[in-house]
Amino acid sequence: MVEKGARVAFKASFLGRKLAYVYEIVEFVPGSKMIMRTVDGPFPMETTYIWKALSDNRTQMTLQNKGEPKGFSKMLSPFMTLMIKKANKKDLEKIKKILESSTFE
C-alpha cells in the first residue's frame, strides 16, 4: 500500500553502472501527487510525480527529479542532467507503451 513514510527499493542502470536506491514517500495524494526522497543511494534525490486527468481515459503525468551531486559527481552535473532526462524519457515511453497495451477493468 502506498502511504507517507513507506519505503521503496529501486535498482537501476545509469551510464553503465548498476545503482540501488531506497526512497521514502514524503507526500502522497491518491490520483494526484507523490513525492519520494532517497534515504539511501549514491546521491541525494527527490522525485515528484503529478497526475492530472485530461478526460475519462487520458491522464497527464509530470515527473520531476531534483538532486544535488556531491564530490566527483558535482563536476559532471551538466552531463548527468542530460543523461537523466534521456533515461527518464526512455522510462516514460516504456511505461506509456505498457499502459496503452494493457486492458484494465
C-alpha atoms as a PDB file:
ATOM      1  CA  MET A   1       0.000   0.000   0.000  1.00  0.00           C
ATOM      2  CA  VAL A   2       1.302   3.452  -0.894  1.00  0.00           C
ATOM      3  CA  GLU A   3       1.373   5.842   2.046  1.00  0.00           C
ATOM      4  CA  LYS A   4       3.523   8.553   3.574  1.00  0.00           C
ATOM      5  CA  GLY A   5       6.573   7.033   5.253  1.00  0.00           C
ATOM      6  CA  ALA A   6       6.594   3.877   3.119  1.00  0.00           C
ATOM      7  CA  ARG A   7       9.969   2.905   1.688  1.00  0.00           C
ATOM      8  CA  VAL A   8      10.599   1.593  -1.806  1.00  0.00           C
ATOM      9  CA  ALA A   9      13.781  -0.080  -3.064  1.00  0.00           C
ATOM     10  CA  PHE A  10      14.848   0.585  -6.662  1.00  0.00           C
ATOM     11  CA  LYS A  11      17.535  -0.896  -8.828  1.00  0.00           C
ATOM     12  CA  ALA A  12      18.538   0.923 -11.989  1.00  0.00           C
ATOM     13  CA  SER A  13      21.233   1.097 -14.591  1.00  0.00           C
ATOM     14  CA  PHE A  14      22.669   4.532 -15.349  1.00  0.00           C
ATOM     15  CA  LEU A  15      25.708   5.296 -17.504  1.00  0.00           C
ATOM     16  CA  GLY A  16      26.584   1.612 -17.499  1.00  0.00           C
ATOM     17  CA  ARG A  17      26.566   1.350 -13.703  1.00  0.00           C
ATOM     18  CA  LYS A  18      24.148  -0.588 -11.535  1.00  0.00           C
ATOM     19  CA  LEU A  19      22.593   1.648  -8.888  1.00  0.00           C
ATOM     20  CA  ALA A  20      20.488   0.797  -5.851  1.00  0.00           C
ATOM     21  CA  TYR A  21      18.299   3.335  -4.087  1.00  0.00           C
ATOM     22  CA  VAL A  22      15.873   3.377  -1.206  1.00  0.00           C
ATOM     23  CA  TYR A  23      13.213   6.061  -1.451  1.00  0.00           C
ATOM     24  CA  GLU A  24      10.830   7.213   1.266  1.00  0.00           C
ATOM     25  CA  ILE A  25       7.434   8.562   0.287  1.00  0.00           C
ATOM     26  CA  VAL A  26       7.182  12.012   1.882  1.00  0.00           C
ATOM     27  CA  GLU A  27       3.864  13.092   0.327  1.00  0.00           C
ATOM     28  CA  PHE A  28       1.056  11.098  -1.265  1.00  0.00           C
ATOM     29  CA  VAL A  29      -2.274  12.337  -2.582  1.00  0.00           C
ATOM     30  CA  PRO A  30      -4.032   9.400  -4.315  1.00  0.00           C
ATOM     31  CA  GLY A  31      -4.575  10.014  -8.019  1.00  0.00           C
ATOM     32  CA  SER A  32      -2.862  13.395  -7.847  1.00  0.00           C
ATOM     33  CA  LYS A  33       0.668  13.574  -6.440  1.00  0.00           C
ATOM     34  CA  MET A  34       3.535  11.585  -4.937  1.00  0.00           C
ATOM     35  CA  ILE A  35       6.889  12.861  -3.707  1.00  0.00           C
ATOM     36  CA  MET A  36       9.739  10.496  -2.790  1.00  0.00           C
ATOM     37  CA  ARG A  37      13.227  11.244  -1.409  1.00  0.00           C
ATOM     38  CA  THR A  38      16.225   8.962  -1.282  1.00  0.00           C
ATOM     39  CA  VAL A  39      17.201   7.741   2.149  1.00  0.00           C
ATOM     40  CA  ASP A  40      19.954   5.517   0.779  1.00  0.00           C
ATOM     41  CA  GLY A  41      21.789   5.620  -2.535  1.00  0.00           C
ATOM     42  CA  PRO A  42      24.751   7.144  -4.384  1.00  0.00           C
ATOM     43  CA  PHE A  43      23.442  10.727  -4.197  1.00  0.00           C
ATOM     44  CA  PRO A  44      20.502  12.574  -2.623  1.00  0.00           C
ATOM     45  CA  MET A  45      17.490  12.946  -4.902  1.00  0.00           C
ATOM     46  CA  GLU A  46      13.825  13.897  -4.758  1.00  0.00           C
ATOM     47  CA  THR A  47      11.317  12.647  -7.339  1.00  0.00           C
ATOM     48  CA  THR A  48       7.866  14.183  -7.804  1.00  0.00           C
ATOM     49  CA  TYR A  49       5.046  12.622  -9.815  1.00  0.00           C
ATOM     50  CA  ILE A  50       1.924  14.678 -10.583  1.00  0.00           C
ATOM     51  CA  TRP A  51      -1.102  13.190 -12.346  1.00  0.00           C
ATOM     52  CA  LYS A  52      -3.870  15.239 -13.964  1.00  0.00           C
ATOM     53  CA  ALA A  53      -6.965  13.710 -15.586  1.00  0.00           C
ATOM     54  CA  LEU A  54      -7.424  15.116 -19.084  1.00  0.00           C
ATOM     55  CA  SER A  55     -10.522  13.028 -19.849  1.00  0.00           C
ATOM     56  CA  ASP A  56     -12.094   9.726 -18.782  1.00  0.00           C
ATOM     57  CA  ASN A  57      -9.353   7.735 -20.492  1.00  0.00           C
ATOM     58  CA  ARG A  58      -6.393  10.152 -20.613  1.00  0.00           C
ATOM     59  CA  THR A  59      -4.055  11.216 -17.824  1.00  0.00           C
ATOM     60  CA  GLN A  60      -1.122  13.586 -17.983  1.00  0.00           C
ATOM     61  CA  MET A  61       1.823  12.691 -15.768  1.00  0.00           C
ATOM     62  CA  THR A  62       4.556  15.147 -14.872  1.00  0.00           C
ATOM     63  CA  LEU A  63       7.835  13.817 -13.498  1.00  0.00           C
ATOM     64  CA  GLN A  64      10.445  15.999 -11.826  1.00  0.00           C
ATOM     65  CA  ASN A  65      13.778  14.922 -10.346  1.00  0.00           C
ATOM     66  CA  LYS A  66      15.814  17.194  -8.093  1.00  0.00           C
ATOM     67  CA  GLY A  67      19.224  16.366  -6.756  1.00  0.00           C
ATOM     68  CA  GLU A  68      22.499  17.896  -5.711  1.00  0.00           C
ATOM     69  CA  PRO A  69      25.537  15.895  -6.823  1.00  0.00           C
ATOM     70  CA  LYS A  70      28.484  15.825  -4.424  1.00  0.00           C
ATOM     71  CA  GLY A  71      32.191  15.183  -4.837  1.00  0.00           C
ATOM     72  CA  PHE A  72      33.322  13.944  -8.238  1.00  0.00           C
ATOM     73  CA  SER A  73      29.722  13.779  -9.471  1.00  0.00           C
ATOM     74  CA  LYS A  74      29.393  17.544  -8.983  1.00  0.00           C
ATOM     75  CA  MET A  75      31.866  18.167 -11.834  1.00  0.00           C
ATOM     76  CA  LEU A  76      29.728  16.010 -14.138  1.00  0.00           C
ATOM     77  CA  SER A  77      26.455  17.726 -13.182  1.00  0.00           C
ATOM     78  CA  PRO A  78      25.619  19.251 -16.624  1.00  0.00           C
ATOM     79  CA  PHE A  79      26.299  15.917 -18.348  1.00  0.00           C
ATOM     80  CA  MET A  80      24.342  13.990 -15.723  1.00  0.00           C
ATOM     81  CA  THR A  81      21.352  16.314 -16.145  1.00  0.00           C
ATOM     82  CA  LEU A  82      21.162  15.481 -19.842  1.00  0.00           C
ATOM     83  CA  MET A  83      21.599  11.771 -19.242  1.00  0.00           C
ATOM     84  CA  ILE A  84      18.925  11.708 -16.518  1.00  0.00           C
ATOM     85  CA  LYS A  85      16.477  13.468 -18.856  1.00  0.00           C
ATOM     86  CA  LYS A  86      17.237  10.918 -21.566  1.00  0.00           C
ATOM     87  CA  ALA A  87      16.796   7.994 -19.150  1.00  0.00           C
ATOM     88  CA  ASN A  88      13.518   9.455 -17.814  1.00  0.00           C
ATOM     89  CA  LYS A  89      12.156   9.895 -21.335  1.00  0.00           C
ATOM     90  CA  LYS A  90      13.015   6.296 -22.200  1.00  0.00           C
ATOM     91  CA  ASP A  91      11.379   5.016 -18.990  1.00  0.00           C
ATOM     92  CA  LEU A  92       8.229   7.098 -19.565  1.00  0.00           C
ATOM     93  CA  GLU A  93       7.911   5.861 -23.151  1.00  0.00           C
ATOM     94  CA  LYS A  94       8.169   2.282 -21.859  1.00  0.00           C
ATOM     95  CA  ILE A  95       5.508   2.924 -19.187  1.00  0.00           C
ATOM     96  CA  LYS A  96       3.227   4.529 -21.789  1.00  0.00           C
ATOM     97  CA  LYS A  97       3.603   1.537 -24.104  1.00  0.00           C
ATOM     98  CA  ILE A  98       2.845  -0.907 -21.283  1.00  0.00           C
ATOM     99  CA  LEU A  99      -0.201   1.042 -20.111  1.00  0.00           C
ATOM    100  CA  GLU A 100      -1.625   1.558 -23.570  1.00  0.00           C
ATOM    101  CA  SER A 101      -1.262  -2.140 -24.445  1.00  0.00           C
ATOM    102  CA  SER A 102      -2.918  -3.300 -21.210  1.00  0.00           C
ATOM    103  CA  THR A 103      -6.600  -3.900 -20.613  1.00  0.00           C
ATOM    104  CA  PHE A 104      -7.997  -2.502 -17.392  1.00  0.00           C
ATOM    105  CA  GLU A 105     -11.400  -3.343 -15.909  1.00  0.00           C
END
